[in-house]
């Protein structure tokens, strides 16, 4: 199938600064695609090039097979939702949603009908006469979405649209956005620096850093099989145990400990073992009879999170975090307890060091 959006060898420079560095990217029709990375990584610049708000310095950019790299925004079958919503404060919800249709010369009856259809889709029935100042942040966000969708774009671009909302509302809107995308059936390209947001909503995630595309994969693969130390560390929380490969199944950590890892490692290679806090297990030294890899340490800090406890464990050369769910049968540990941290090969991933 023809990709909804395709970038080939795209580079964007601002003077001597390379904002996007020779990336290839293909976004499928009908998928929720997230572009994730820290501030300044190039994700928003990439989105703006798809929107036509910036032009590539080099490379090819197409939407459903049509080269659009030098076309103006209004010549592309896309619409954009921004973080600040960009609503007209003097217009009602109905007028805001129908504004684009009015500018296209659509007759009043059709404009109203299509605008009301979108207002219903985003669950704002009965609020069409209100103005933005009379609405909550979440409601304003829905108006911005309805306005962007009313022109029936083939691709909807979203530039950190939930960033201005509080945590609870942001989490609610994540689920609503995913449902909306499924209902309308078009590609959503969503830019965010929030890892949880991307993992919650996206069918696939592109992780960017310093203008480069580091990995494109499903949320599960990004989390479970990160392609690099940066991806492992940026997506969620992890403990990176650095060392050198001894043989194809063994890594020597920096303190000399030997741990088991995946098969087919190359001897002499610098690597890091990515151990997620929730994947590690702990036991008192006196209770230990385990298989797999283990490291001894001391409980240094304890953080209570309601549904879990996070133990800061001091090893002889570094500190790590272990997350333990608060189950009725869970053994609790105190500051200073001597423990063993252990895991199986399936609990970790190995990334280049």
C-alpha atoms as a PDB file:
ATOM      1  CA  UNK A   1       0.000   0.000   0.000  1.00  0.00           C
ATOM      2  CA  UNK A   2       1.097   3.577  -0.674  1.00  0.00           C
ATOM      3  CA  UNK A   3       2.356   5.158   2.571  1.00  0.00           C
ATOM      4  CA  UNK A   4       0.344   8.038   3.975  1.00  0.00           C
ATOM      5  CA  UNK A   5       3.598   9.961   4.512  1.00  0.00           C
ATOM      6  CA  UNK A   6       7.035   9.070   3.200  1.00  0.00           C
ATOM      7  CA  UNK A   7      10.315  10.850   3.882  1.00  0.00           C
ATOM      8  CA  UNK A   8      13.429   9.889   1.940  1.00  0.00           C
ATOM      9  CA  UNK A   9      16.880  11.206   2.934  1.00  0.00           C
ATOM     10  CA  UNK A  10      15.308  14.294   4.496  1.00  0.00           C
ATOM     11  CA  UNK A  11      17.687  16.870   5.938  1.00  0.00           C
ATOM     12  CA  UNK A  12      16.779  20.257   7.368  1.00  0.00           C
ATOM     13  CA  UNK A  13      19.404  22.874   8.157  1.00  0.00           C
ATOM     14  CA  UNK A  14      19.029  26.258   9.812  1.00  0.00           C
ATOM     15  CA  UNK A  15      22.264  27.946   8.836  1.00  0.00           C
ATOM     16  CA  UNK A  16      25.032  25.698  10.172  1.00  0.00           C
ATOM     17  CA  UNK A  17      22.653  23.830  12.501  1.00  0.00           C
ATOM     18  CA  UNK A  18      21.431  20.438  11.255  1.00  0.00           C
ATOM     19  CA  UNK A  19      17.973  20.058  12.842  1.00  0.00           C
ATOM     20  CA  UNK A  20      17.041  16.872  10.951  1.00  0.00           C
ATOM     21  CA  UNK A  21      19.848  14.675   9.671  1.00  0.00           C
ATOM     22  CA  UNK A  22      19.214  12.484   6.618  1.00  0.00           C
ATOM     23  CA  UNK A  23      16.215  10.500   7.869  1.00  0.00           C
ATOM     24  CA  UNK A  24      14.030   7.921   6.106  1.00  0.00           C
ATOM     25  CA  UNK A  25      10.534   7.391   7.425  1.00  0.00           C
ATOM     26  CA  UNK A  26       7.367   5.718   6.158  1.00  0.00           C
ATOM     27  CA  UNK A  27       4.007   6.211   7.920  1.00  0.00           C
ATOM     28  CA  UNK A  28       1.171   3.849   7.063  1.00  0.00           C
ATOM     29  CA  UNK A  29      -2.344   4.857   6.100  1.00  0.00           C
ATOM     30  CA  UNK A  30      -4.649   4.694   9.120  1.00  0.00           C
ATOM     31  CA  UNK A  31      -2.014   4.314  11.841  1.00  0.00           C
ATOM     32  CA  UNK A  32      -1.433   6.363  14.966  1.00  0.00           C
ATOM     33  CA  UNK A  33       2.235   7.283  14.651  1.00  0.00           C
ATOM     34  CA  UNK A  34       4.179   9.035  17.415  1.00  0.00           C
ATOM     35  CA  UNK A  35       7.408  10.987  17.026  1.00  0.00           C
ATOM     36  CA  UNK A  36       9.144  10.941  20.382  1.00  0.00           C
ATOM     37  CA  UNK A  37      12.262  12.588  21.719  1.00  0.00           C
ATOM     38  CA  UNK A  38      13.639  15.319  23.998  1.00  0.00           C
ATOM     39  CA  UNK A  39      13.435  19.017  23.185  1.00  0.00           C
ATOM     40  CA  UNK A  40      15.614  19.934  20.210  1.00  0.00           C
ATOM     41  CA  UNK A  41      15.743  16.409  18.777  1.00  0.00           C
ATOM     42  CA  UNK A  42      14.139  17.398  15.445  1.00  0.00           C
ATOM     43  CA  UNK A  43      10.668  15.887  15.880  1.00  0.00           C
ATOM     44  CA  UNK A  44       8.725  19.159  15.635  1.00  0.00           C
ATOM     45  CA  UNK A  45      10.831  20.305  12.671  1.00  0.00           C
ATOM     46  CA  UNK A  46       9.996  17.015  10.932  1.00  0.00           C
ATOM     47  CA  UNK A  47       6.288  17.531  11.631  1.00  0.00           C
ATOM     48  CA  UNK A  48       6.467  21.101  10.324  1.00  0.00           C
ATOM     49  CA  UNK A  49       8.055  19.838   7.091  1.00  0.00           C
ATOM     50  CA  UNK A  50       5.179  17.383   6.626  1.00  0.00           C
ATOM     51  CA  UNK A  51       2.751  20.257   7.284  1.00  0.00           C
ATOM     52  CA  UNK A  52       4.507  22.562   4.813  1.00  0.00           C
ATOM     53  CA  UNK A  53       5.476  25.098   7.482  1.00  0.00           C
ATOM     54  CA  UNK A  54       9.150  24.319   6.772  1.00  0.00           C
ATOM     55  CA  UNK A  55      10.739  23.037   3.565  1.00  0.00           C
ATOM     56  CA  UNK A  56      13.429  20.334   3.514  1.00  0.00           C
ATOM     57  CA  UNK A  57      16.979  21.393   2.706  1.00  0.00           C
ATOM     58  CA  UNK A  58      17.524  18.040   1.018  1.00  0.00           C
ATOM     59  CA  UNK A  59      15.456  14.942   0.277  1.00  0.00           C
ATOM     60  CA  UNK A  60      12.005  13.901  -0.858  1.00  0.00           C
ATOM     61  CA  UNK A  61       8.698  14.187   1.023  1.00  0.00           C
ATOM     62  CA  UNK A  62       5.477  12.686  -0.301  1.00  0.00           C
ATOM     63  CA  UNK A  63       1.897  12.266   0.920  1.00  0.00           C
ATOM     64  CA  UNK A  64       0.061   9.298  -0.587  1.00  0.00           C
ATOM     65  CA  UNK A  65       2.658   9.136  -3.346  1.00  0.00           C
ATOM     66  CA  UNK A  66       2.478  12.842  -4.291  1.00  0.00           C
ATOM     67  CA  UNK A  67       5.699  14.824  -3.899  1.00  0.00           C
ATOM     68  CA  UNK A  68       4.830  17.807  -1.659  1.00  0.00           C
ATOM     69  CA  UNK A  69       8.220  18.945  -0.362  1.00  0.00           C
ATOM     70  CA  UNK A  70       7.890  22.418  -1.896  1.00  0.00           C
ATOM     71  CA  UNK A  71       4.089  22.830  -1.761  1.00  0.00           C
ATOM     72  CA  UNK A  72       2.399  25.392   0.491  1.00  0.00           C
ATOM     73  CA  UNK A  73       0.457  24.069   3.512  1.00  0.00           C
ATOM     74  CA  UNK A  74      -2.944  24.690   1.879  1.00  0.00           C
ATOM     75  CA  UNK A  75      -1.898  22.548  -1.095  1.00  0.00           C
ATOM     76  CA  UNK A  76      -1.383  19.463   1.064  1.00  0.00           C
ATOM     77  CA  UNK A  77      -4.071  17.071   2.314  1.00  0.00           C
ATOM     78  CA  UNK A  78      -3.054  17.550   5.956  1.00  0.00           C
ATOM     79  CA  UNK A  79      -4.186  19.640   8.911  1.00  0.00           C
ATOM     80  CA  UNK A  80      -2.322  20.496  12.111  1.00  0.00           C
ATOM     81  CA  UNK A  81      -3.397  20.776  15.758  1.00  0.00           C
ATOM     82  CA  UNK A  82      -1.030  22.881  17.872  1.00  0.00           C
ATOM     83  CA  UNK A  83      -0.332  22.868  21.603  1.00  0.00           C
ATOM     84  CA  UNK A  84      -1.892  26.318  22.102  1.00  0.00           C
ATOM     85  CA  UNK A  85      -5.030  25.320  20.100  1.00  0.00           C
ATOM     86  CA  UNK A  86      -4.974  28.629  18.112  1.00  0.00           C
ATOM     87  CA  UNK A  87      -8.735  29.115  18.451  1.00  0.00           C
ATOM     88  CA  UNK A  88     -10.365  32.430  17.532  1.00  0.00           C
ATOM     89  CA  UNK A  89     -11.470  33.892  20.897  1.00  0.00           C
ATOM     90  CA  UNK A  90     -14.278  36.018  19.389  1.00  0.00           C
ATOM     91  CA  UNK A  91     -15.894  33.090  17.538  1.00  0.00           C
ATOM     92  CA  UNK A  92     -18.214  30.431  18.944  1.00  0.00           C
ATOM     93  CA  UNK A  93     -17.387  26.723  18.886  1.00  0.00           C
ATOM     94  CA  UNK A  94     -19.541  26.292  15.791  1.00  0.00           C
ATOM     95  CA  UNK A  95     -17.865  29.232  14.046  1.00  0.00           C
ATOM     96  CA  UNK A  96     -14.375  28.046  14.992  1.00  0.00           C
ATOM     97  CA  UNK A  97     -15.015  24.528  13.699  1.00  0.00           C
ATOM     98  CA  UNK A  98     -16.593  25.761  10.471  1.00  0.00           C
ATOM     99  CA  UNK A  99     -14.035  28.508   9.798  1.00  0.00           C
ATOM    100  CA  UNK A 100     -11.961  26.524   7.304  1.00  0.00           C
ATOM    101  CA  UNK A 101     -15.024  25.499   5.329  1.00  0.00           C
ATOM    102  CA  UNK A 102     -16.191  29.124   5.235  1.00  0.00           C
ATOM    103  CA  UNK A 103     -12.799  30.210   3.868  1.00  0.00           C
ATOM    104  CA  UNK A 104     -13.145  27.583   1.132  1.00  0.00           C
ATOM    105  CA  UNK A 105     -16.475  29.062   0.067  1.00  0.00           C
ATOM    106  CA  UNK A 106     -18.606  26.150   1.275  1.00  0.00           C
ATOM    107  CA  UNK A 107     -22.277  27.195   1.520  1.00  0.00           C
ATOM    108  CA  UNK A 108     -23.667  27.982   4.961  1.00  0.00           C
ATOM    109  CA  UNK A 109     -25.981  24.978   5.194  1.00  0.00           C
ATOM    110  CA  UNK A 110     -23.223  22.446   4.429  1.00  0.00           C
ATOM    111  CA  UNK A 111     -20.750  24.290   6.646  1.00  0.00           C
ATOM    112  CA  UNK A 112     -23.113  24.099   9.612  1.00  0.00           C
ATOM    113  CA  UNK A 113     -23.982  20.440   8.967  1.00  0.00           C
ATOM    114  CA  UNK A 114     -20.362  19.330   8.695  1.00  0.00           C
ATOM    115  CA  UNK A 115     -19.280  21.451  11.666  1.00  0.00           C
ATOM    116  CA  UNK A 116     -22.064  19.992  13.824  1.00  0.00           C
ATOM    117  CA  UNK A 117     -21.038  16.490  12.743  1.00  0.00           C
ATOM    118  CA  UNK A 118     -17.506  17.130  13.980  1.00  0.00           C
ATOM    119  CA  UNK A 119     -18.759  18.752  17.197  1.00  0.00           C
ATOM    120  CA  UNK A 120     -20.766  15.602  17.882  1.00  0.00           C
ATOM    121  CA  UNK A 121     -17.769  13.424  17.042  1.00  0.00           C
ATOM    122  CA  UNK A 122     -15.650  15.143  19.710  1.00  0.00           C
ATOM    123  CA  UNK A 123     -18.547  15.037  22.209  1.00  0.00           C
ATOM    124  CA  UNK A 124     -19.229  18.775  22.496  1.00  0.00           C
ATOM    125  CA  UNK A 125     -22.953  18.595  21.723  1.00  0.00           C
ATOM    126  CA  UNK A 126     -24.788  21.523  23.280  1.00  0.00           C
ATOM    127  CA  UNK A 127     -21.683  23.692  23.563  1.00  0.00           C
ATOM    128  CA  UNK A 128     -21.639  25.002  19.992  1.00  0.00           C
ATOM    129  CA  UNK A 129     -22.642  28.533  21.057  1.00  0.00           C
ATOM    130  CA  UNK A 130     -19.891  28.931  23.636  1.00  0.00           C
ATOM    131  CA  UNK A 131     -16.681  30.845  23.069  1.00  0.00           C
ATOM    132  CA  UNK A 132     -13.236  29.455  23.960  1.00  0.00           C
ATOM    133  CA  UNK A 133     -12.925  31.497  27.172  1.00  0.00           C
ATOM    134  CA  UNK A 134     -16.059  29.786  28.496  1.00  0.00           C
ATOM    135  CA  UNK A 135     -14.549  26.313  28.078  1.00  0.00           C
ATOM    136  CA  UNK A 136     -12.038  24.125  29.897  1.00  0.00           C
ATOM    137  CA  UNK A 137      -8.670  23.220  28.415  1.00  0.00           C
ATOM    138  CA  UNK A 138      -9.884  19.767  27.455  1.00  0.00           C
ATOM    139  CA  UNK A 139     -12.958  21.191  25.733  1.00  0.00           C
ATOM    140  CA  UNK A 140     -10.809  23.703  23.827  1.00  0.00           C
ATOM    141  CA  UNK A 141      -8.616  20.823  22.717  1.00  0.00           C
ATOM    142  CA  UNK A 142     -11.667  19.039  21.314  1.00  0.00           C
ATOM    143  CA  UNK A 143     -12.670  22.184  19.413  1.00  0.00           C
ATOM    144  CA  UNK A 144      -9.200  22.352  17.858  1.00  0.00           C
ATOM    145  CA  UNK A 145      -9.474  18.694  16.836  1.00  0.00           C
ATOM    146  CA  UNK A 146     -12.936  19.194  15.323  1.00  0.00           C
ATOM    147  CA  UNK A 147     -11.727  22.226  13.373  1.00  0.00           C
ATOM    148  CA  UNK A 148      -8.777  20.268  12.004  1.00  0.00           C
ATOM    149  CA  UNK A 149     -10.900  17.270  11.011  1.00  0.00           C
ATOM    150  CA  UNK A 150     -13.816  19.125   9.425  1.00  0.00           C
ATOM    151  CA  UNK A 151     -11.835  19.692   6.214  1.00  0.00           C
ATOM    152  CA  UNK A 152     -11.430  15.913   5.888  1.00  0.00           C
ATOM    153  CA  UNK A 153      -7.610  15.768   5.766  1.00  0.00           C
ATOM    154  CA  UNK A 154      -5.914  12.522   4.796  1.00  0.00           C
ATOM    155  CA  UNK A 155      -3.373  13.003   7.586  1.00  0.00           C
ATOM    156  CA  UNK A 156      -3.791  14.824  10.911  1.00  0.00           C
ATOM    157  CA  UNK A 157      -0.635  16.292  12.471  1.00  0.00           C
ATOM    158  CA  UNK A 158      -0.562  16.944  16.223  1.00  0.00           C
ATOM    159  CA  UNK A 159       2.226  19.008  17.789  1.00  0.00           C
ATOM    160  CA  UNK A 160       2.261  18.209  21.541  1.00  0.00           C
ATOM    161  CA  UNK A 161      -1.488  18.975  21.729  1.00  0.00           C
ATOM    162  CA  UNK A 162      -1.884  17.713  25.306  1.00  0.00           C
ATOM    163  CA  UNK A 163       1.077  19.565  26.783  1.00  0.00           C
ATOM    164  CA  UNK A 164      -1.005  22.367  28.330  1.00  0.00           C
ATOM    165  CA  UNK A 165      -3.375  20.018  30.199  1.00  0.00           C
ATOM    166  CA  UNK A 166      -3.027  18.770  33.773  1.00  0.00           C
ATOM    167  CA  UNK A 167      -2.006  15.154  34.340  1.00  0.00           C
ATOM    168  CA  UNK A 168      -5.444  13.597  34.901  1.00  0.00           C
ATOM    169  CA  UNK A 169      -7.046  15.392  31.961  1.00  0.00           C
ATOM    170  CA  UNK A 170      -4.042  14.596  29.778  1.00  0.00           C
ATOM    171  CA  UNK A 171      -4.435  10.899  30.546  1.00  0.00           C
ATOM    172  CA  UNK A 172      -8.165  11.054  29.758  1.00  0.00           C
ATOM    173  CA  UNK A 173      -7.491  12.851  26.479  1.00  0.00           C
ATOM    174  CA  UNK A 174      -4.911  10.221  25.474  1.00  0.00           C
ATOM    175  CA  UNK A 175      -7.640   7.589  25.452  1.00  0.00           C
ATOM    176  CA  UNK A 176     -10.098   9.909  23.712  1.00  0.00           C
ATOM    177  CA  UNK A 177      -7.582  10.772  21.004  1.00  0.00           C
ATOM    178  CA  UNK A 178      -6.877   7.100  20.314  1.00  0.00           C
ATOM    179  CA  UNK A 179     -10.607   6.366  20.057  1.00  0.00           C
ATOM    180  CA  UNK A 180     -11.108   9.392  17.793  1.00  0.00           C
ATOM    181  CA  UNK A 181      -8.328   8.221  15.498  1.00  0.00           C
ATOM    182  CA  UNK A 182      -9.945   4.806  15.195  1.00  0.00           C
ATOM    183  CA  UNK A 183     -13.332   6.394  14.490  1.00  0.00           C
ATOM    184  CA  UNK A 184     -12.125   8.650  11.671  1.00  0.00           C
ATOM    185  CA  UNK A 185      -9.683   6.045  10.310  1.00  0.00           C
ATOM    186  CA  UNK A 186      -6.990   8.419   9.043  1.00  0.00           C
ATOM    187  CA  UNK A 187      -3.306   8.645   9.953  1.00  0.00           C
ATOM    188  CA  UNK A 188      -2.476  10.670  13.059  1.00  0.00           C
ATOM    189  CA  UNK A 189       1.139  11.849  13.352  1.00  0.00           C
ATOM    190  CA  UNK A 190       1.685  12.882  16.948  1.00  0.00           C
ATOM    191  CA  UNK A 191       4.747  14.727  18.295  1.00  0.00           C
ATOM    192  CA  UNK A 192       5.505  14.396  21.999  1.00  0.00           C
ATOM    193  CA  UNK A 193       8.357  14.320  24.506  1.00  0.00           C
ATOM    194  CA  UNK A 194       6.211  12.270  26.906  1.00  0.00           C
ATOM    195  CA  UNK A 195       7.139   8.578  26.779  1.00  0.00           C
ATOM    196  CA  UNK A 196       3.954   7.388  28.498  1.00  0.00           C
ATOM    197  CA  UNK A 197       1.855   9.357  26.029  1.00  0.00           C
ATOM    198  CA  UNK A 198       3.553   7.679  23.074  1.00  0.00           C
ATOM    199  CA  UNK A 199       3.372   4.203  24.603  1.00  0.00           C
ATOM    200  CA  UNK A 200      -0.324   4.652  25.443  1.00  0.00           C
ATOM    201  CA  UNK A 201      -1.550   5.867  22.057  1.00  0.00           C
ATOM    202  CA  UNK A 202       0.792   4.916  19.239  1.00  0.00           C
ATOM    203  CA  UNK A 203       0.705   1.942  16.896  1.00  0.00           C
ATOM    204  CA  UNK A 204       4.354   2.727  16.135  1.00  0.00           C
ATOM    205  CA  UNK A 205       6.896   5.108  17.629  1.00  0.00           C
ATOM    206  CA  UNK A 206       9.855   6.884  16.057  1.00  0.00           C
ATOM    207  CA  UNK A 207      12.509   7.870  18.625  1.00  0.00           C
ATOM    208  CA  UNK A 208      14.659  10.847  17.617  1.00  0.00           C
ATOM    209  CA  UNK A 209      17.800  12.339  19.145  1.00  0.00           C
ATOM    210  CA  UNK A 210      19.992  15.178  17.854  1.00  0.00           C
ATOM    211  CA  UNK A 211      18.262  15.168  14.483  1.00  0.00           C
ATOM    212  CA  UNK A 212      18.706  11.445  13.907  1.00  0.00           C
ATOM    213  CA  UNK A 213      16.125   8.677  13.788  1.00  0.00           C
ATOM    214  CA  UNK A 214      17.277   6.033  16.284  1.00  0.00           C
ATOM    215  CA  UNK A 215      14.474   3.460  16.144  1.00  0.00           C
ATOM    216  CA  UNK A 216      11.024   2.986  14.600  1.00  0.00           C
ATOM    217  CA  UNK A 217       8.967   0.143  16.062  1.00  0.00           C
ATOM    218  CA  UNK A 218       5.854  -0.805  18.033  1.00  0.00           C
ATOM    219  CA  UNK A 219       5.601   0.420  21.635  1.00  0.00           C
ATOM    220  CA  UNK A 220       6.278  -3.116  22.874  1.00  0.00           C
ATOM    221  CA  UNK A 221       9.438  -3.488  20.790  1.00  0.00           C
ATOM    222  CA  UNK A 222      10.700  -0.016  21.684  1.00  0.00           C
ATOM    223  CA  UNK A 223      10.296  -0.814  25.382  1.00  0.00           C
ATOM    224  CA  UNK A 224      11.391  -4.456  25.390  1.00  0.00           C
ATOM    225  CA  UNK A 225      14.065  -4.355  22.695  1.00  0.00           C
ATOM    226  CA  UNK A 226      15.558  -0.850  22.576  1.00  0.00           C
ATOM    227  CA  UNK A 227      18.073  -0.313  19.785  1.00  0.00           C
ATOM    228  CA  UNK A 228      20.512   1.786  21.832  1.00  0.00           C
ATOM    229  CA  UNK A 229      21.390   3.001  25.333  1.00  0.00           C
ATOM    230  CA  UNK A 230      19.642   6.288  24.613  1.00  0.00           C
ATOM    231  CA  UNK A 231      16.376   4.588  23.628  1.00  0.00           C
ATOM    232  CA  UNK A 232      16.522   2.232  26.616  1.00  0.00           C
ATOM    233  CA  UNK A 233      17.108   5.122  29.015  1.00  0.00           C
ATOM    234  CA  UNK A 234      14.636   7.530  27.407  1.00  0.00           C
ATOM    235  CA  UNK A 235      11.695   5.111  27.188  1.00  0.00           C
ATOM    236  CA  UNK A 236      10.535   4.576  30.751  1.00  0.00           C
ATOM    237  CA  UNK A 237      13.005   3.930  33.548  1.00  0.00           C
ATOM    238  CA  UNK A 238      15.820   1.419  33.376  1.00  0.00           C
ATOM    239  CA  UNK A 239      19.074   0.410  35.024  1.00  0.00           C
ATOM    240  CA  UNK A 240      22.016   0.340  32.607  1.00  0.00           C
ATOM    241  CA  UNK A 241      24.694  -2.088  33.785  1.00  0.00           C
ATOM    242  CA  UNK A 242      27.707  -1.456  31.579  1.00  0.00           C
ATOM    243  CA  UNK A 243      30.344  -4.025  30.781  1.00  0.00           C
ATOM    244  CA  UNK A 244      32.239  -5.997  28.152  1.00  0.00           C
ATOM    245  CA  UNK A 245      31.185  -9.206  26.410  1.00  0.00           C
ATOM    246  CA  UNK A 246      33.273 -12.169  27.572  1.00  0.00           C
ATOM    247  CA  UNK A 247      31.705 -14.735  25.264  1.00  0.00           C
ATOM    248  CA  UNK A 248      28.454 -15.051  23.317  1.00  0.00           C
ATOM    249  CA  UNK A 249      26.313 -15.504  26.458  1.00  0.00           C
ATOM    250  CA  UNK A 250      28.295 -13.737  29.215  1.00  0.00           C
ATOM    251  CA  UNK A 251      29.010 -10.099  30.074  1.00  0.00           C
ATOM    252  CA  UNK A 252      31.645  -8.915  32.549  1.00  0.00           C
ATOM    253  CA  UNK A 253      30.248  -5.882  34.382  1.00  0.00           C
ATOM    254  CA  UNK A 254      32.434  -2.968  35.467  1.00  0.00           C
ATOM    255  CA  UNK A 255      32.879  -4.421  38.962  1.00  0.00           C
ATOM    256  CA  UNK A 256      33.996  -7.776  37.558  1.00  0.00           C
ATOM    257  CA  UNK A 257      30.688  -9.598  38.081  1.00  0.00           C
ATOM    258  CA  UNK A 258      29.660 -12.102  35.415  1.00  0.00           C
ATOM    259  CA  UNK A 259      26.046 -12.002  34.203  1.00  0.00           C
ATOM    260  CA  UNK A 260      24.199 -14.016  31.595  1.00  0.00           C
ATOM    261  CA  UNK A 261      22.836 -12.277  28.513  1.00  0.00           C
ATOM    262  CA  UNK A 262      21.289 -13.076  25.157  1.00  0.00           C
ATOM    263  CA  UNK A 263      22.974 -15.471  22.764  1.00  0.00           C
ATOM    264  CA  UNK A 264      25.204 -14.409  19.851  1.00  0.00           C
ATOM    265  CA  UNK A 265      27.075 -11.566  21.549  1.00  0.00           C
ATOM    266  CA  UNK A 266      30.491 -10.655  20.127  1.00  0.00           C
ATOM    267  CA  UNK A 267      33.422 -11.057  22.522  1.00  0.00           C
ATOM    268  CA  UNK A 268      35.192  -7.820  23.400  1.00  0.00           C
ATOM    269  CA  UNK A 269      32.184  -5.607  22.565  1.00  0.00           C
ATOM    270  CA  UNK A 270      31.212  -2.852  25.000  1.00  0.00           C
ATOM    271  CA  UNK A 271      27.535  -3.253  25.942  1.00  0.00           C
ATOM    272  CA  UNK A 272      24.996  -2.281  28.549  1.00  0.00           C
ATOM    273  CA  UNK A 273      22.472  -4.584  30.192  1.00  0.00           C
ATOM    274  CA  UNK A 274      19.101  -2.781  30.352  1.00  0.00           C
ATOM    275  CA  UNK A 275      17.262  -4.009  33.452  1.00  0.00           C
ATOM    276  CA  UNK A 276      13.839  -2.431  33.954  1.00  0.00           C
ATOM    277  CA  UNK A 277      13.045  -1.757  37.653  1.00  0.00           C
ATOM    278  CA  UNK A 278       9.881  -3.865  37.517  1.00  0.00           C
ATOM    279  CA  UNK A 279      11.677  -6.846  35.945  1.00  0.00           C
ATOM    280  CA  UNK A 280      14.230  -7.348  38.701  1.00  0.00           C
ATOM    281  CA  UNK A 281      13.485  -9.399  41.812  1.00  0.00           C
ATOM    282  CA  UNK A 282      14.953  -9.017  45.259  1.00  0.00           C
ATOM    283  CA  UNK A 283      15.516 -11.388  48.165  1.00  0.00           C
ATOM    284  CA  UNK A 284      17.407 -11.335  51.436  1.00  0.00           C
ATOM    285  CA  UNK A 285      20.907 -12.722  51.220  1.00  0.00           C
ATOM    286  CA  UNK A 286      20.011 -15.542  53.620  1.00  0.00           C
ATOM    287  CA  UNK A 287      17.101 -16.618  51.391  1.00  0.00           C
ATOM    288  CA  UNK A 288      18.946 -16.797  48.105  1.00  0.00           C
ATOM    289  CA  UNK A 289      18.773 -19.924  46.004  1.00  0.00           C
ATOM    290  CA  UNK A 290      18.279 -18.660  42.472  1.00  0.00           C
ATOM    291  CA  UNK A 291      19.016 -19.335  38.852  1.00  0.00           C
ATOM    292  CA  UNK A 292      20.114 -16.654  36.414  1.00  0.00           C
ATOM    293  CA  UNK A 293      22.129 -13.535  37.160  1.00  0.00           C
ATOM    294  CA  UNK A 294      22.411 -11.780  40.497  1.00  0.00           C
ATOM    295  CA  UNK A 295      24.145  -8.898  42.248  1.00  0.00           C
ATOM    296  CA  UNK A 296      24.409  -8.216  45.980  1.00  0.00           C
ATOM    297  CA  UNK A 297      23.588  -4.834  47.434  1.00  0.00           C
ATOM    298  CA  UNK A 298      22.073  -2.802  50.265  1.00  0.00           C
ATOM    299  CA  UNK A 299      18.683  -1.042  50.427  1.00  0.00           C
ATOM    300  CA  UNK A 300      19.579   2.654  50.359  1.00  0.00           C
ATOM    301  CA  UNK A 301      16.261   4.436  49.723  1.00  0.00           C
ATOM    302  CA  UNK A 302      12.567   3.511  49.800  1.00  0.00           C
ATOM    303  CA  UNK A 303       9.862   5.390  47.891  1.00  0.00           C
ATOM    304  CA  UNK A 304       6.203   4.543  48.524  1.00  0.00           C
ATOM    305  CA  UNK A 305       3.974   5.058  45.457  1.00  0.00           C
ATOM    306  CA  UNK A 306       0.709   3.569  46.689  1.00  0.00           C
ATOM    307  CA  UNK A 307       0.541   0.643  44.293  1.00  0.00           C
ATOM    308  CA  UNK A 308       4.279  -0.048  44.491  1.00  0.00           C
ATOM    309  CA  UNK A 309       7.501   0.567  46.369  1.00  0.00           C
ATOM    310  CA  UNK A 310      10.672   1.639  44.616  1.00  0.00           C
ATOM    311  CA  UNK A 311      13.828   0.504  46.347  1.00  0.00           C
ATOM    312  CA  UNK A 312      17.070   2.297  45.670  1.00  0.00           C
ATOM    313  CA  UNK A 313      19.750  -0.393  45.883  1.00  0.00           C
ATOM    314  CA  UNK A 314      23.398   0.478  46.441  1.00  0.00           C
ATOM    315  CA  UNK A 315      25.735  -1.923  44.669  1.00  0.00           C
ATOM    316  CA  UNK A 316      29.481  -1.793  45.192  1.00  0.00           C
ATOM    317  CA  UNK A 317      30.010   0.455  42.143  1.00  0.00           C
ATOM    318  CA  UNK A 318      26.636   2.027  41.265  1.00  0.00           C
ATOM    319  CA  UNK A 319      23.027   2.519  42.405  1.00  0.00           C
ATOM    320  CA  UNK A 320      20.000   0.910  40.762  1.00  0.00           C
ATOM    321  CA  UNK A 321      16.221   1.013  41.231  1.00  0.00           C
ATOM    322  CA  UNK A 322      13.923  -1.953  41.834  1.00  0.00           C
ATOM    323  CA  UNK A 323      10.141  -1.587  41.680  1.00  0.00           C
ATOM    324  CA  UNK A 324       8.055  -4.031  43.693  1.00  0.00           C
ATOM    325  CA  UNK A 325       4.261  -4.112  43.464  1.00  0.00           C
ATOM    326  CA  UNK A 326       2.401  -3.767  46.767  1.00  0.00           C
ATOM    327  CA  UNK A 327       0.837  -7.202  46.984  1.00  0.00           C
ATOM    328  CA  UNK A 328      -0.447  -8.616  50.296  1.00  0.00           C
ATOM    329  CA  UNK A 329       2.226 -11.315  50.199  1.00  0.00           C
ATOM    330  CA  UNK A 330       5.092  -9.001  49.204  1.00  0.00           C
ATOM    331  CA  UNK A 331       8.009  -8.955  51.639  1.00  0.00           C
ATOM    332  CA  UNK A 332       8.924  -5.465  52.759  1.00  0.00           C
ATOM    333  CA  UNK A 333      12.507  -4.286  53.168  1.00  0.00           C
ATOM    334  CA  UNK A 334      14.047  -1.620  55.375  1.00  0.00           C
ATOM    335  CA  UNK A 335      16.887   0.810  54.879  1.00  0.00           C
ATOM    336  CA  UNK A 336      20.192  -1.008  55.313  1.00  0.00           C
ATOM    337  CA  UNK A 337      18.881  -4.498  54.537  1.00  0.00           C
ATOM    338  CA  UNK A 338      21.400  -6.622  52.652  1.00  0.00           C
ATOM    339  CA  UNK A 339      19.725  -8.118  49.597  1.00  0.00           C
ATOM    340  CA  UNK A 340      20.347  -9.846  46.286  1.00  0.00           C
ATOM    341  CA  UNK A 341      18.946  -8.473  43.031  1.00  0.00           C
ATOM    342  CA  UNK A 342      18.342 -11.217  40.483  1.00  0.00           C
ATOM    343  CA  UNK A 343      16.829 -11.743  37.054  1.00  0.00           C
ATOM    344  CA  UNK A 344      16.605 -14.170  34.153  1.00  0.00           C
ATOM    345  CA  UNK A 345      17.975 -13.633  30.653  1.00  0.00           C
ATOM    346  CA  UNK A 346      14.456 -12.906  29.363  1.00  0.00           C
ATOM    347  CA  UNK A 347      14.131 -10.010  31.817  1.00  0.00           C
ATOM    348  CA  UNK A 348      16.860  -7.883  30.222  1.00  0.00           C
ATOM    349  CA  UNK A 349      17.931  -6.519  26.849  1.00  0.00           C
ATOM    350  CA  UNK A 350      21.486  -5.902  25.680  1.00  0.00           C
ATOM    351  CA  UNK A 351      22.341  -2.663  23.892  1.00  0.00           C
ATOM    352  CA  UNK A 352      25.550  -1.323  22.436  1.00  0.00           C
ATOM    353  CA  UNK A 353      27.683   0.416  25.025  1.00  0.00           C
END
